[in-house]
Amino acid sequence: MLKMLILVCSVNVSPADCQQETALDIIQGPQVASVFECGMASQAMAAQTSILRHGSDEYMKVKCSRLKVADAAAKDAKLSPATLGQR
């Protein structure tokens, strides 16, 4: 299983440098079975939510990680599964 993490980064940070340590916000996405499913779910979430503020200088980057790695990262960032959309 994979876990989707959505990193919200400033446009001043290059996509390569947009990591958990440099993100303005980290949002936990759903568990998915494959990388393909992660990509599709991230597109659906982006279309259905207002993760980014309209006209903002932020962008989102989706990171799919193995479940244990993602859970450890979320624990380090002190996130809860209910953080989706709470900005």
Protein backbone atom coordinates (compact mmCIF):
# COMPACT_ATOMS: atom_id res chain seq x y z
CA MET A 1 0.00 0.00 0.00
CA LEU A 2 1.02 3.58 -0.65
CA LYS A 3 0.11 6.77 1.18
CA MET A 4 -0.36 10.07 -0.62
CA LEU A 5 1.20 13.19 0.86
CA ILE A 6 0.41 16.58 -0.65
CA LEU A 7 3.15 19.13 -0.14
CA VAL A 8 2.18 22.78 -0.48
CA CYS A 9 5.27 24.80 -1.38
CA SER A 10 6.09 28.39 -2.18
CA VAL A 11 6.77 29.26 -5.82
CA ASN A 12 10.14 30.49 -4.56
CA VAL A 13 11.09 26.85 -3.90
CA SER A 14 11.95 24.75 -6.94
CA PRO A 15 9.94 21.54 -7.43
CA ALA A 16 13.09 19.50 -6.78
CA ASP A 17 13.56 21.28 -3.44
CA CYS A 18 9.90 20.98 -2.43
CA GLN A 19 10.25 18.35 0.28
CA GLN A 20 8.64 17.71 3.65
CA GLU A 21 11.22 19.94 5.33
CA THR A 22 10.60 22.91 3.00
CA ALA A 23 6.83 22.64 2.50
CA LEU A 24 4.53 25.32 3.86
CA ASP A 25 1.93 22.65 4.59
CA ILE A 26 1.69 18.86 4.40
CA ILE A 27 -1.69 17.24 3.87
CA GLN A 28 -2.27 13.53 4.19
CA GLY A 29 -4.15 11.97 1.34
CA PRO A 30 -5.78 8.55 1.17
CA GLN A 31 -4.11 5.16 1.05
CA VAL A 32 -3.82 3.85 -2.49
CA ALA A 33 -2.84 0.54 -4.04
CA SER A 34 -0.54 1.77 -6.82
CA VAL A 35 1.39 4.75 -8.12
CA PHE A 36 -1.19 5.11 -10.90
CA GLU A 37 -4.01 5.25 -8.37
CA CYS A 38 -2.02 7.83 -6.39
CA GLY A 39 -1.77 10.06 -9.45
CA MET A 40 -5.46 9.72 -10.23
CA ALA A 41 -6.52 10.36 -6.62
CA SER A 42 -4.29 13.43 -6.40
CA GLN A 43 -5.91 14.88 -9.54
CA ALA A 44 -9.36 14.26 -8.09
CA MET A 45 -8.42 15.87 -4.77
CA ALA A 46 -6.94 18.91 -6.51
CA ALA A 47 -10.13 19.36 -8.53
CA GLN A 48 -12.49 18.92 -5.58
CA THR A 49 -10.72 20.91 -2.88
CA SER A 50 -9.30 24.34 -2.39
CA ILE A 51 -5.93 23.31 -1.03
CA LEU A 52 -4.31 26.34 -2.62
CA ARG A 53 -5.61 29.84 -2.15
CA HIS A 54 -6.83 31.42 -5.38
CA GLY A 55 -4.17 33.66 -6.87
CA SER A 56 -1.61 32.52 -4.33
CA ASP A 57 2.08 32.05 -4.80
CA GLU A 58 1.92 28.38 -3.81
CA TYR A 59 1.85 25.11 -5.70
CA MET A 60 1.19 21.56 -4.66
CA LYS A 61 3.39 18.54 -5.15
CA VAL A 62 2.11 15.01 -4.63
CA LYS A 63 4.40 12.44 -3.09
CA CYS A 64 3.47 8.78 -2.93
CA SER A 65 5.35 6.80 -0.31
CA ARG A 66 5.16 3.37 1.19
CA LEU A 67 2.67 3.43 4.02
CA LYS A 68 5.23 3.05 6.84
CA VAL A 69 7.44 5.81 5.42
CA ALA A 70 4.49 8.19 5.00
CA ASP A 71 3.15 7.48 8.48
CA ALA A 72 6.58 8.18 9.98
CA ALA A 73 6.79 11.46 8.07
CA ALA A 74 3.31 12.46 9.20
CA LYS A 75 4.21 11.61 12.80
CA ASP A 76 7.36 13.73 12.53
CA ALA A 77 5.30 16.63 11.16
CA LYS A 78 2.68 16.02 13.89
CA LEU A 79 -0.16 15.61 11.39
CA SER A 80 -3.41 13.82 11.93
CA PRO A 81 -5.43 12.06 9.21
CA ALA A 82 -8.07 14.78 9.53
CA THR A 83 -5.80 17.62 8.35
CA LEU A 84 -7.09 17.52 4.77
CA GLY A 85 -8.38 20.91 3.77
CA GLN A 86 -7.70 22.59 7.12
CA ARG A 87 -5.71 25.63 6.02
